[in-house]
């Protein structure tokens, strides 16, 4: 009896979720991949500049603290690194951090490279590319 109830509940939940998506969630980008063109426009217009504000520091500091508790020789991959905001926090505790930031947006990567000269940032779409390098920590932020 419990299995049947769980099955029915799961079907109803999926049906409601699909109806909500079809009615209006799709209009707001839920469930869909955001296009490269959209990311380029947003980074070019400064839509993500607020991430450098002090109000965002608690978020990034908590991630940096978790990384800091690891071995200093860990290799970190930051998927969707944007303008490199997280890197700025990570390098405060470890100037020689082994870090690679990747992002689909050329504009975001250009801004990251400008702000953090000589650091490793690559324009790469993680869904359609592979990275041969191995990492100890992978961050999707």
Foldseek 3Di string as FASTA:
>chain_A
DVVVVVVVVVVVVVVVVVVVCVPPPVVVVPPHDDDLVVVQVCLVVCVPVCCLPPVVVVVLLVVLVVVLPDPQAFAEEEEQCFLVSSVVNNCVNPVPHRYAYEHCHPSRQVNNCVVVPPDHYYNDDPVPDDDPDDGPYYHHD
